[in-house]
Amino acid sequence: TAALSGVSRSMLSQIERGEANPSVAILGKIAAALKVPAEVLLENDDFT
């Protein structure tokens, strides 16, 4: 995923652990690498 997105493995790991706030540009790169719209990464489903 890091190779596909151009985001370092370290940064990607920090983002996945919730330790880093990704910029819009980084979110765009990750979304492109995962082949999903960027808004999917922002979905906050805490519906009970």
ModelCIF file with pLDDT and N, C-alpha, C, O atoms, coordinates in Angstrom:
data_MODEL
#
_entry.id   MODEL 
#
_entity.id                         1 
_entity.type                       polymer 
_entity.pdbx_number_of_molecules   1 
#
_entity_poly.entity_id                      1 
_entity_poly.type                           'polypeptide(L)' 
_entity_poly.nstd_linkage                   no 
_entity_poly.nstd_monomer                   no 
_entity_poly.pdbx_seq_one_letter_code       TAALSGVSRSMLSQIERGEANPSVAILGKIAAALKVPAEVLLENDDFT 
_entity_poly.pdbx_seq_one_letter_code_can   TAALSGVSRSMLSQIERGEANPSVAILGKIAAALKVPAEVLLENDDFT 
_entity_poly.pdbx_strand_id                 A 
#
loop_
_entity_poly_seq.entity_id 
_entity_poly_seq.num 
_entity_poly_seq.mon_id 
_entity_poly_seq.hetero 
1 1  THR n 
1 2  ALA n 
1 3  ALA n 
1 4  LEU n 
1 5  SER n 
1 6  GLY n 
1 7  VAL n 
1 8  SER n 
1 9  ARG n 
1 10 SER n 
1 11 MET n 
1 12 LEU n 
1 13 SER n 
1 14 GLN n 
1 15 ILE n 
1 16 GLU n 
1 17 ARG n 
1 18 GLY n 
1 19 GLU n 
1 20 ALA n 
1 21 ASN n 
1 22 PRO n 
1 23 SER n 
1 24 VAL n 
1 25 ALA n 
1 26 ILE n 
1 27 LEU n 
1 28 GLY n 
1 29 LYS n 
1 30 ILE n 
1 31 ALA n 
1 32 ALA n 
1 33 ALA n 
1 34 LEU n 
1 35 LYS n 
1 36 VAL n 
1 37 PRO n 
1 38 ALA n 
1 39 GLU n 
1 40 VAL n 
1 41 LEU n 
1 42 LEU n 
1 43 GLU n 
1 44 ASN n 
1 45 ASP n 
1 46 ASP n 
1 47 PHE n 
1 48 THR n 
#
_struct_asym.id          A 
_struct_asym.entity_id   1 
#
loop_
_ma_qa_metric.id 
_ma_qa_metric.mode 
_ma_qa_metric.name 
_ma_qa_metric.software_group_id 
_ma_qa_metric.type 
1 global pLDDT . pLDDT 
2 local  pLDDT . pLDDT 
#
_ma_qa_metric_global.metric_id      1 
_ma_qa_metric_global.metric_value   89.04 
_ma_qa_metric_global.model_id       1 
_ma_qa_metric_global.ordinal_id     1 
#
loop_
_ma_qa_metric_local.label_asym_id 
_ma_qa_metric_local.label_comp_id 
_ma_qa_metric_local.label_seq_id 
_ma_qa_metric_local.metric_id 
_ma_qa_metric_local.metric_value 
_ma_qa_metric_local.model_id 
_ma_qa_metric_local.ordinal_id 
A THR 1  2 94.00 1 1  
A ALA 2  2 93.00 1 2  
A ALA 3  2 95.00 1 3  
A LEU 4  2 94.00 1 4  
A SER 5  2 94.00 1 5  
A GLY 6  2 95.00 1 6  
A VAL 7  2 94.00 1 7  
A SER 8  2 94.00 1 8  
A ARG 9  2 93.00 1 9  
A SER 10 2 94.00 1 10 
A MET 11 2 93.00 1 11 
A LEU 12 2 94.00 1 12 
A SER 13 2 92.00 1 13 
A GLN 14 2 92.00 1 14 
A ILE 15 2 92.00 1 15 
A GLU 16 2 91.00 1 16 
A ARG 17 2 91.00 1 17 
A GLY 18 2 88.00 1 18 
A GLU 19 2 89.00 1 19 
A ALA 20 2 89.00 1 20 
A ASN 21 2 88.00 1 21 
A PRO 22 2 90.00 1 22 
A SER 23 2 90.00 1 23 
A VAL 24 2 92.00 1 24 
A ALA 25 2 93.00 1 25 
A ILE 26 2 93.00 1 26 
A LEU 27 2 92.00 1 27 
A GLY 28 2 93.00 1 28 
A LYS 29 2 94.00 1 29 
A ILE 30 2 94.00 1 30 
A ALA 31 2 92.00 1 31 
A ALA 32 2 94.00 1 32 
A ALA 33 2 93.00 1 33 
A LEU 34 2 94.00 1 34 
A LYS 35 2 93.00 1 35 
A VAL 36 2 92.00 1 36 
A PRO 37 2 92.00 1 37 
A ALA 38 2 89.00 1 38 
A GLU 39 2 88.00 1 39 
A VAL 40 2 87.00 1 40 
A LEU 41 2 88.00 1 41 
A LEU 42 2 86.00 1 42 
A GLU 43 2 82.00 1 43 
A ASN 44 2 77.00 1 44 
A ASP 45 2 67.00 1 45 
A ASP 46 2 64.00 1 46 
A PHE 47 2 60.00 1 47 
A THR 48 2 66.00 1 48 
#
loop_
_atom_site.group_PDB 
_atom_site.id 
_atom_site.type_symbol 
_atom_site.label_atom_id 
_atom_site.label_alt_id 
_atom_site.label_comp_id 
_atom_site.label_asym_id 
_atom_site.label_entity_id 
_atom_site.label_seq_id 
_atom_site.pdbx_PDB_ins_code 
_atom_site.Cartn_x 
_atom_site.Cartn_y 
_atom_site.Cartn_z 
_atom_site.occupancy 
_atom_site.B_iso_or_equiv 
_atom_site.pdbx_formal_charge 
_atom_site.auth_seq_id 
_atom_site.auth_comp_id 
_atom_site.auth_asym_id 
_atom_site.auth_atom_id 
_atom_site.pdbx_PDB_model_num 
ATOM 1   N N  . THR A 1 1  ? 0.839   -1.198 0.000  1.00 94.00 ? 1  THR A N  1 
ATOM 2   C CA . THR A 1 1  ? 0.000   0.000  0.000  1.00 94.00 ? 1  THR A CA 1 
ATOM 3   C C  . THR A 1 1  ? 0.873   1.247  0.000  1.00 94.00 ? 1  THR A C  1 
ATOM 4   O O  . THR A 1 1  ? 0.568   2.227  -0.679 1.00 94.00 ? 1  THR A O  1 
ATOM 5   N N  . ALA A 1 2  ? 1.954   1.207  0.759  1.00 93.00 ? 2  ALA A N  1 
ATOM 6   C CA . ALA A 1 2  ? 2.894   2.341  0.801  1.00 93.00 ? 2  ALA A CA 1 
ATOM 7   C C  . ALA A 1 2  ? 3.497   2.556  -0.587 1.00 93.00 ? 2  ALA A C  1 
ATOM 8   O O  . ALA A 1 2  ? 3.602   3.692  -1.051 1.00 93.00 ? 2  ALA A O  1 
ATOM 9   N N  . ALA A 1 3  ? 3.885   1.487  -1.237 1.00 95.00 ? 3  ALA A N  1 
ATOM 10  C CA . ALA A 1 3  ? 4.488   1.602  -2.571 1.00 95.00 ? 3  ALA A CA 1 
ATOM 11  C C  . ALA A 1 3  ? 3.475   2.141  -3.586 1.00 95.00 ? 3  ALA A C  1 
ATOM 12  O O  . ALA A 1 3  ? 3.817   2.984  -4.415 1.00 95.00 ? 3  ALA A O  1 
ATOM 13  N N  . LEU A 1 4  ? 2.246   1.663  -3.526 1.00 94.00 ? 4  LEU A N  1 
ATOM 14  C CA . LEU A 1 4  ? 1.215   2.107  -4.467 1.00 94.00 ? 4  LEU A CA 1 
ATOM 15  C C  . LEU A 1 4  ? 0.802   3.568  -4.243 1.00 94.00 ? 4  LEU A C  1 
ATOM 16  O O  . LEU A 1 4  ? 0.463   4.284  -5.185 1.00 94.00 ? 4  LEU A O  1 
ATOM 17  N N  . SER A 1 5  ? 0.839   3.986  -2.994 1.00 94.00 ? 5  SER A N  1 
ATOM 18  C CA . SER A 1 5  ? 0.352   5.334  -2.658 1.00 94.00 ? 5  SER A CA 1 
ATOM 19  C C  . SER A 1 5  ? 1.443   6.397  -2.655 1.00 94.00 ? 5  SER A C  1 
ATOM 20  O O  . SER A 1 5  ? 1.160   7.585  -2.812 1.00 94.00 ? 5  SER A O  1 
ATOM 21  N N  . GLY A 1 6  ? 2.695   5.966  -2.476 1.00 95.00 ? 6  GLY A N  1 
ATOM 22  C CA . GLY A 1 6  ? 3.767   6.943  -2.335 1.00 95.00 ? 6  GLY A CA 1 
ATOM 23  C C  . GLY A 1 6  ? 3.841   7.525  -0.932 1.00 95.00 ? 6  GLY A C  1 
ATOM 24  O O  . GLY A 1 6  ? 4.554   8.500  -0.695 1.00 95.00 ? 6  GLY A O  1 
ATOM 25  N N  . VAL A 1 7  ? 3.104   6.926  0.000  1.00 94.00 ? 7  VAL A N  1 
ATOM 26  C CA . VAL A 1 7  ? 3.141   7.335  1.409  1.00 94.00 ? 7  VAL A CA 1 
ATOM 27  C C  . VAL A 1 7  ? 4.039   6.328  2.117  1.00 94.00 ? 7  VAL A C  1 
ATOM 28  O O  . VAL A 1 7  ? 3.905   5.123  1.908  1.00 94.00 ? 7  VAL A O  1 
ATOM 29  N N  . SER A 1 8  ? 4.943   6.808  2.945  1.00 94.00 ? 8  SER A N  1 
ATOM 30  C CA . SER A 1 8  ? 5.887   5.890  3.588  1.00 94.00 ? 8  SER A CA 1 
ATOM 31  C C  . SER A 1 8  ? 5.156   4.864  4.455  1.00 94.00 ? 8  SER A C  1 
ATOM 32  O O  . SER A 1 8  ? 4.078   5.127  4.987  1.00 94.00 ? 8  SER A O  1 
ATOM 33  N N  . ARG A 1 9  ? 5.773   3.692  4.579  1.00 93.00 ? 9  ARG A N  1 
ATOM 34  C CA . ARG A 1 9  ? 5.199   2.625  5.404  1.00 93.00 ? 9  ARG A CA 1 
ATOM 35  C C  . ARG A 1 9  ? 5.029   3.105  6.827  1.00 93.00 ? 9  ARG A C  1 
ATOM 36  O O  . ARG A 1 9  ? 4.019   2.804  7.464  1.00 93.00 ? 9  ARG A O  1 
ATOM 37  N N  . SER A 1 10 ? 5.991   3.840  7.334  1.00 94.00 ? 10 SER A N  1 
ATOM 38  C CA . SER A 1 10 ? 5.949   4.361  8.696  1.00 94.00 ? 10 SER A CA 1 
ATOM 39  C C  . SER A 1 10 ? 4.748   5.289  8.890  1.00 94.00 ? 10 SER A C  1 
ATOM 40  O O  . SER A 1 10 ? 4.021   5.173  9.877  1.00 94.00 ? 10 SER A O  1 
ATOM 41  N N  . MET A 1 11 ? 4.543   6.213  7.941  1.00 93.00 ? 11 MET A N  1 
ATOM 42  C CA . MET A 1 11 ? 3.420   7.153  8.034  1.00 93.00 ? 11 MET A CA 1 
ATOM 43  C C  . MET A 1 11 ? 2.094   6.405  7.921  1.00 93.00 ? 11 MET A C  1 
ATOM 44  O O  . MET A 1 11 ? 1.159   6.682  8.672  1.00 93.00 ? 11 MET A O  1 
ATOM 45  N N  . LEU A 1 12 ? 2.009   5.471  6.998  1.00 94.00 ? 12 LEU A N  1 
ATOM 46  C CA . LEU A 1 12 ? 0.799   4.678  6.815  1.00 94.00 ? 12 LEU A CA 1 
ATOM 47  C C  . LEU A 1 12 ? 0.471   3.904  8.098  1.00 94.00 ? 12 LEU A C  1 
ATOM 48  O O  . LEU A 1 12 ? -0.692  3.839  8.498  1.00 94.00 ? 12 LEU A O  1 
ATOM 49  N N  . SER A 1 13 ? 1.453   3.337  8.723  1.00 92.00 ? 13 SER A N  1 
ATOM 50  C CA . SER A 1 13 ? 1.271   2.601  9.966  1.00 92.00 ? 13 SER A CA 1 
ATOM 51  C C  . SER A 1 13 ? 0.761   3.529  11.076 1.00 92.00 ? 13 SER A C  1 
ATOM 52  O O  . SER A 1 13 ? -0.130  3.159  11.841 1.00 92.00 ? 13 SER A O  1 
ATOM 53  N N  . GLN A 1 14 ? 1.329   4.728  11.156 1.00 92.00 ? 14 GLN A N  1 
ATOM 54  C CA . GLN A 1 14 ? 0.887   5.703  12.163 1.00 92.00 ? 14 GLN A CA 1 
ATOM 55  C C  . GLN A 1 14 ? -0.569  6.115  11.912 1.00 92.00 ? 14 GLN A C  1 
ATOM 56  O O  . GLN A 1 14 ? -1.345  6.261  12.856 1.00 92.00 ? 14 GLN A O  1 
ATOM 57  N N  . ILE A 1 15 ? -0.927  6.298  10.664 1.00 92.00 ? 15 ILE A N  1 
ATOM 58  C CA . ILE A 1 15 ? -2.307  6.669  10.316 1.00 92.00 ? 15 ILE A CA 1 
ATOM 59  C C  . ILE A 1 15 ? -3.262  5.554  10.719 1.00 92.00 ? 15 ILE A C  1 
ATOM 60  O O  . ILE A 1 15 ? -4.310  5.819  11.307 1.00 92.00 ? 15 ILE A O  1 
ATOM 61  N N  . GLU A 1 16 ? -2.907  4.299  10.404 1.00 91.00 ? 16 GLU A N  1 
ATOM 62  C CA . GLU A 1 16 ? -3.771  3.168  10.737 1.00 91.00 ? 16 GLU A CA 1 
ATOM 63  C C  . GLU A 1 16 ? -3.916  2.960  12.239 1.00 91.00 ? 16 GLU A C  1 
ATOM 64  O O  . GLU A 1 16 ? -4.927  2.422  12.693 1.00 91.00 ? 16 GLU A O  1 
ATOM 65  N N  . ARG A 1 17 ? -2.924  3.377  13.012 1.00 91.00 ? 17 ARG A N  1 
ATOM 66  C CA . ARG A 1 17 ? -3.009  3.272  14.468 1.00 91.00 ? 17 ARG A CA 1 
ATOM 67  C C  . ARG A 1 17 ? -3.708  4.489  15.082 1.00 91.00 ? 17 ARG A C  1 
ATOM 68  O O  . ARG A 1 17 ? -3.928  4.535  16.292 1.00 91.00 ? 17 ARG A O  1 
ATOM 69  N N  . GLY A 1 18 ? -4.057  5.476  14.242 1.00 88.00 ? 18 GLY A N  1 
ATOM 70  C CA . GLY A 1 18 ? -4.716  6.679  14.734 1.00 88.00 ? 18 GLY A CA 1 
ATOM 71  C C  . GLY A 1 18 ? -3.778  7.651  15.400 1.00 88.00 ? 18 GLY A C  1 
ATOM 72  O O  . GLY A 1 18 ? -4.217  8.540  16.130 1.00 88.00 ? 18 GLY A O  1 
ATOM 73  N N  . GLU A 1 19 ? -2.480  7.495  15.156 1.00 89.00 ? 19 GLU A N  1 
ATOM 74  C CA . GLU A 1 19 ? -1.472  8.346  15.790 1.00 89.00 ? 19 GLU A CA 1 
ATOM 75  C C  . GLU A 1 19 ? -1.107  9.553  14.944 1.00 89.00 ? 19 GLU A C  1 
ATOM 76  O O  . GLU A 1 19 ? -0.467  10.482 15.438 1.00 89.00 ? 19 GLU A O  1 
ATOM 77  N N  . ALA A 1 20 ? -1.501  9.555  13.681 1.00 89.00 ? 20 ALA A N  1 
ATOM 78  C CA . ALA A 1 20 ? -1.175  10.673 12.793 1.00 89.00 ? 20 ALA A CA 1 
ATOM 79  C C  . ALA A 1 20 ? -2.443  11.107 12.060 1.00 89.00 ? 20 ALA A C  1 
ATOM 80  O O  . ALA A 1 20 ? -3.273  10.281 11.681 1.00 89.00 ? 20 ALA A O  1 
ATOM 81  N N  . ASN A 1 21 ? -2.575  12.411 11.868 1.00 88.00 ? 21 ASN A N  1 
ATOM 82  C CA . ASN A 1 21 ? -3.685  12.977 11.096 1.00 88.00 ? 21 ASN A CA 1 
ATOM 83  C C  . ASN A 1 21 ? -3.212  13.179 9.664  1.00 88.00 ? 21 ASN A C  1 
ATOM 84  O O  . ASN A 1 21 ? -2.369  14.038 9.406  1.00 88.00 ? 21 ASN A O  1 
ATOM 85  N N  . PRO A 1 22 ? -3.742  12.402 8.736  1.00 90.00 ? 22 PRO A N  1 
ATOM 86  C CA . PRO A 1 22 ? -3.286  12.557 7.353  1.00 90.00 ? 22 PRO A CA 1 
ATOM 87  C C  . PRO A 1 22 ? -3.855  13.822 6.721  1.00 90.00 ? 22 PRO A C  1 
ATOM 88  O O  . PRO A 1 22 ? -4.988  14.210 7.007  1.00 90.00 ? 22 PRO A O  1 
ATOM 89  N N  . SER A 1 23 ? -3.079  14.451 5.877  1.00 90.00 ? 23 SER A N  1 
ATOM 90  C CA . SER A 1 23 ? -3.559  15.612 5.134  1.00 90.00 ? 23 SER A CA 1 
ATOM 91  C C  . SER A 1 23 ? -4.518  15.135 4.042  1.00 90.00 ? 23 SER A C  1 
ATOM 92  O O  . SER A 1 23 ? -4.610  13.940 3.762  1.00 90.00 ? 23 SER A O  1 
ATOM 93  N N  . VAL A 1 24 ? -5.218  16.066 3.442  1.00 92.00 ? 24 VAL A N  1 
ATOM 94  C CA . VAL A 1 24 ? -6.127  15.735 2.345  1.00 92.00 ? 24 VAL A CA 1 
ATOM 95  C C  . VAL A 1 24 ? -5.344  15.110 1.194  1.00 92.00 ? 24 VAL A C  1 
ATOM 96  O O  . VAL A 1 24 ? -5.821  14.171 0.557  1.00 92.00 ? 24 VAL A O  1 
ATOM 97  N N  . ALA A 1 25 ? -4.150  15.625 0.926  1.00 93.00 ? 25 ALA A N  1 
ATOM 98  C CA . ALA A 1 25 ? -3.323  15.086 -0.161 1.00 93.00 ? 25 ALA A CA 1 
ATOM 99  C C  . ALA A 1 25 ? -2.939  13.633 0.112  1.00 93.00 ? 25 ALA A C  1 
ATOM 100 O O  . ALA A 1 25 ? -2.964  12.798 -0.792 1.00 93.00 ? 25 ALA A O  1 
ATOM 101 N N  . ILE A 1 26 ? -2.588  13.340 1.349  1.00 93.00 ? 26 ILE A N  1 
ATOM 102 C CA . ILE A 1 26 ? -2.214  11.964 1.694  1.00 93.00 ? 26 ILE A CA 1 
ATOM 103 C C  . ILE A 1 26 ? -3.427  11.051 1.619  1.00 93.00 ? 26 ILE A C  1 
ATOM 104 O O  . ILE A 1 26 ? -3.333  9.928  1.124  1.00 93.00 ? 26 ILE A O  1 
ATOM 105 N N  . LEU A 1 27 ? -4.560  11.526 2.106  1.00 92.00 ? 27 LEU A N  1 
ATOM 106 C CA . LEU A 1 27 ? -5.782  10.717 1.996  1.00 92.00 ? 27 LEU A CA 1 
ATOM 107 C C  . LEU A 1 27 ? -6.104  10.410 0.536  1.00 92.00 ? 27 LEU A C  1 
ATOM 108 O O  . LEU A 1 27 ? -6.516  9.299  0.206  1.00 92.00 ? 27 LEU A O  1 
ATOM 109 N N  . GLY A 1 28 ? -5.915  11.392 -0.327 1.00 93.00 ? 28 GLY A N  1 
ATOM 110 C CA . GLY A 1 28 ? -6.138  11.193 -1.758 1.00 93.00 ? 28 GLY A CA 1 
ATOM 111 C C  . GLY A 1 28 ? -5.223  10.127 -2.329 1.00 93.00 ? 28 GLY A C  1 
ATOM 112 O O  . GLY A 1 28 ? -5.662  9.292  -3.121 1.00 93.00 ? 28 GLY A O  1 
ATOM 113 N N  . LYS A 1 29 ? -3.951  10.144 -1.936 1.00 94.00 ? 29 LYS A N  1 
ATOM 114 C CA . LYS A 1 29 ? -2.998  9.139  -2.417 1.00 94.00 ? 29 LYS A CA 1 
ATOM 115 C C  . LYS A 1 29 ? -3.376  7.740  -1.932 1.00 94.00 ? 29 LYS A C  1 
ATOM 116 O O  . LYS A 1 29 ? -3.311  6.770  -2.687 1.00 94.00 ? 29 LYS A O  1 
ATOM 117 N N  . ILE A 1 30 ? -3.775  7.650  -0.654 1.00 94.00 ? 30 ILE A N  1 
ATOM 118 C CA . ILE A 1 30 ? -4.152  6.347  -0.095 1.00 94.00 ? 30 ILE A CA 1 
ATOM 119 C C  . ILE A 1 30 ? -5.423  5.832  -0.780 1.00 94.00 ? 30 ILE A C  1 
ATOM 120 O O  . ILE A 1 30 ? -5.514  4.652  -1.118 1.00 94.00 ? 30 ILE A O  1 
ATOM 121 N N  . ALA A 1 31 ? -6.388  6.710  -0.981 1.00 92.00 ? 31 ALA A N  1 
ATOM 122 C CA . ALA A 1 31 ? -7.633  6.324  -1.648 1.00 92.00 ? 31 ALA A CA 1 
ATOM 123 C C  . ALA A 1 31 ? -7.350  5.817  -3.058 1.00 92.00 ? 31 ALA A C  1 
ATOM 124 O O  . ALA A 1 31 ? -7.920  4.811  -3.481 1.00 92.00 ? 31 ALA A O  1 
ATOM 125 N N  . ALA A 1 32 ? -6.479  6.500  -3.782 1.00 94.00 ? 32 ALA A N  1 
ATOM 126 C CA . ALA A 1 32 ? -6.130  6.071  -5.141 1.00 94.00 ? 32 ALA A CA 1 
ATOM 127 C C  . ALA A 1 32 ? -5.455  4.703  -5.116 1.00 94.00 ? 32 ALA A C  1 
ATOM 128 O O  . ALA A 1 32 ? -5.730  3.856  -5.965 1.00 94.00 ? 32 ALA A O  1 
ATOM 129 N N  . ALA A 1 33 ? -4.579  4.490  -4.150 1.00 93.00 ? 33 ALA A N  1 
ATOM 130 C CA . ALA A 1 33 ? -3.893  3.199  -4.049 1.00 93.00 ? 33 ALA A CA 1 
ATOM 131 C C  . ALA A 1 33 ? -4.873  2.078  -3.716 1.00 93.00 ? 33 ALA A C  1 
ATOM 132 O O  . ALA A 1 33 ? -4.728  0.957  -4.203 1.00 93.00 ? 33 ALA A O  1 
ATOM 133 N N  . LEU A 1 34 ? -5.870  2.382  -2.887 1.00 94.00 ? 34 LEU A N  1 
ATOM 134 C CA . LEU A 1 34 ? -6.865  1.379  -2.502 1.00 94.00 ? 34 LEU A CA 1 
ATOM 135 C C  . LEU A 1 34 ? -8.010  1.278  -3.523 1.00 94.00 ? 34 LEU A C  1 
ATOM 136 O O  . LEU A 1 34 ? -8.869  0.402  -3.424 1.00 94.00 ? 34 LEU A O  1 
ATOM 137 N N  . LYS A 1 35 ? -8.005  2.190  -4.503 1.00 93.00 ? 35 LYS A N  1 
ATOM 138 C CA . LYS A 1 35 ? -9.014  2.241  -5.564 1.00 93.00 ? 35 LYS A CA 1 
ATOM 139 C C  . LYS A 1 35 ? -10.432 2.418  -4.997 1.00 93.00 ? 35 LYS A C  1 
ATOM 140 O O  . LYS A 1 35 ? -11.370 1.708  -5.359 1.00 93.00 ? 35 LYS A O  1 
ATOM 141 N N  . VAL A 1 36 ? -10.542 3.413  -4.078 1.00 92.00 ? 36 VAL A N  1 
ATOM 142 C CA . VAL A 1 36 ? -11.840 3.781  -3.506 1.00 92.00 ? 36 VAL A CA 1 
ATOM 143 C C  . VAL A 1 36 ? -11.939 5.300  -3.526 1.00 92.00 ? 36 VAL A C  1 
ATOM 144 O O  . VAL A 1 36 ? -10.912 5.978  -3.512 1.00 92.00 ? 36 VAL A O  1 
ATOM 145 N N  . PRO A 1 37 ? -13.157 5.852  -3.559 1.00 92.00 ? 37 PRO A N  1 
ATOM 146 C CA . PRO A 1 37 ? -13.298 7.304  -3.454 1.00 92.00 ? 37 PRO A CA 1 
ATOM 147 C C  . PRO A 1 37 ? -12.775 7.782  -2.094 1.00 92.00 ? 37 PRO A C  1 
ATOM 148 O O  . PRO A 1 37 ? -12.933 7.082  -1.094 1.00 92.00 ? 37 PRO A O  1 
ATOM 149 N N  . ALA A 1 38 ? -12.171 8.937  -2.052 1.00 89.00 ? 38 ALA A N  1 
ATOM 150 C CA . ALA A 1 38 ? -11.597 9.458  -0.805 1.00 89.00 ? 38 ALA A CA 1 
ATOM 151 C C  . ALA A 1 38 ? -12.641 9.576  0.295  1.00 89.00 ? 38 ALA A C  1 
ATOM 152 O O  . ALA A 1 38 ? -12.326 9.377  1.468  1.00 89.00 ? 38 ALA A O  1 
ATOM 153 N N  . GLU A 1 39 ? -13.887 9.900  -0.069 1.00 88.00 ? 39 GLU A N  1 
ATOM 154 C CA . GLU A 1 39 ? -14.918 10.066 0.965  1.00 88.00 ? 39 GLU A CA 1 
ATOM 155 C C  . GLU A 1 39 ? -15.204 8.777  1.729  1.00 88.00 ? 39 GLU A C  1 
ATOM 156 O O  . GLU A 1 39 ? -15.685 8.824  2.861  1.00 88.00 ? 39 GLU A O  1 
ATOM 157 N N  . VAL A 1 40 ? -14.911 7.625  1.120  1.00 87.00 ? 40 VAL A N  1 
ATOM 158 C CA . VAL A 1 40 ? -15.092 6.342  1.809  1.00 87.00 ? 40 VAL A CA 1 
ATOM 159 C C  . VAL A 1 40 ? -14.162 6.255  3.012  1.00 87.00 ? 40 VAL A C  1 
ATOM 160 O O  . VAL A 1 40 ? -14.511 5.664  4.033  1.00 87.00 ? 40 VAL A O  1 
ATOM 161 N N  . LEU A 1 41 ? -12.988 6.841  2.887  1.00 88.00 ? 41 LEU A N  1 
ATOM 162 C CA . LEU A 1 41 ? -12.040 6.817  4.001  1.00 88.00 ? 41 LEU A CA 1 
ATOM 163 C C  . LEU A 1 41 ? -12.503 7.684  5.164  1.00 88.00 ? 41 LEU A C  1 
ATOM 164 O O  . LEU A 1 41 ? -12.069 7.484  6.299  1.00 88.00 ? 41 LEU A O  1 
ATOM 165 N N  . LEU A 1 42 ? -13.382 8.646  4.889  1.00 86.00 ? 42 LEU A N  1 
ATOM 166 C CA . LEU A 1 42 ? -13.870 9.566  5.916  1.00 86.00 ? 42 LEU A CA 1 
ATOM 167 C C  . LEU A 1 42 ? -15.173 9.110  6.560  1.00 86.00 ? 42 LEU A C  1 
ATOM 168 O O  . LEU A 1 42 ? -15.650 9.755  7.494  1.00 86.00 ? 42 LEU A O  1 
ATOM 169 N N  . GLU A 1 43 ? -15.757 8.015  6.086  1.00 82.00 ? 43 GLU A N  1 
ATOM 170 C CA . GLU A 1 43 ? -17.029 7.555  6.651  1.00 82.00 ? 43 GLU A CA 1 
ATOM 171 C C  . GLU A 1 43 ? -16.864 7.260  8.128  1.00 82.00 ? 43 GLU A C  1 
ATOM 172 O O  . GLU A 1 43 ? -15.905 6.619  8.560  1.00 82.00 ? 43 GLU A O  1 
ATOM 173 N N  . ASN A 1 44 ? -17.834 7.751  8.888  1.00 77.00 ? 44 ASN A N  1 
ATOM 174 C CA . ASN A 1 44 ? -17.798 7.597  10.336 1.00 77.00 ? 44 ASN A CA 1 
ATOM 175 C C  . ASN A 1 44 ? -19.086 6.929  10.775 1.00 77.00 ? 44 ASN A C  1 
ATOM 176 O O  . ASN A 1 44 ? -20.060 7.608  11.101 1.00 77.00 ? 44 ASN A O  1 
ATOM 177 N N  . ASP A 1 45 ? -19.101 5.638  10.786 1.00 67.00 ? 45 ASP A N  1 
ATOM 178 C CA . ASP A 1 45 ? -20.314 4.879  11.065 1.00 67.00 ? 45 ASP A CA 1 
ATOM 179 C C  . ASP A 1 45 ? -20.361 4.447  12.526 1.00 67.00 ? 45 ASP A C  1 
ATOM 180 O O  . ASP A 1 45 ? -19.967 3.334  12.874 1.00 67.00 ? 45 ASP A O  1 
ATOM 181 N N  . ASP A 1 46 ? -20.851 5.355  13.377 1.00 64.00 ? 46 ASP A N  1 
ATOM 182 C CA . ASP A 1 46 ? -21.027 4.975  14.767 1.00 64.00 ? 46 ASP A CA 1 
ATOM 183 C C  . ASP A 1 46 ? -22.505 4.778  15.080 1.00 64.00 ? 46 ASP A C  1 
ATOM 184 O O  . ASP A 1 46 ? -22.933 4.922  16.225 1.00 64.00 ? 46 ASP A O  1 
ATOM 185 N N  . PHE A 1 47 ? -23.280 4.446  14.048 1.00 60.00 ? 47 PHE A N  1 
ATOM 186 C CA . PHE A 1 47 ? -24.712 4.221  14.189 1.00 60.00 ? 47 PHE A CA 1 
ATOM 187 C C  . PHE A 1 47 ? -24.961 2.967  15.015 1.00 60.00 ? 47 PHE A C  1 
ATOM 188 O O  . PHE A 1 47 ? -24.367 1.919  14.767 1.00 60.00 ? 47 PHE A O  1 
ATOM 189 N N  . THR A 1 48 ? -25.832 3.085  15.982 1.00 66.00 ? 48 THR A N  1 
ATOM 190 C CA . THR A 1 48 ? -26.245 1.952  16.795 1.00 66.00 ? 48 THR A CA 1 
ATOM 191 C C  . THR A 1 48 ? -27.695 1.660  16.479 1.00 66.00 ? 48 THR A C  1 
ATOM 192 O O  . THR A 1 48 ? -28.276 0.735  17.048 1.00 66.00 ? 48 THR A O  1 
#
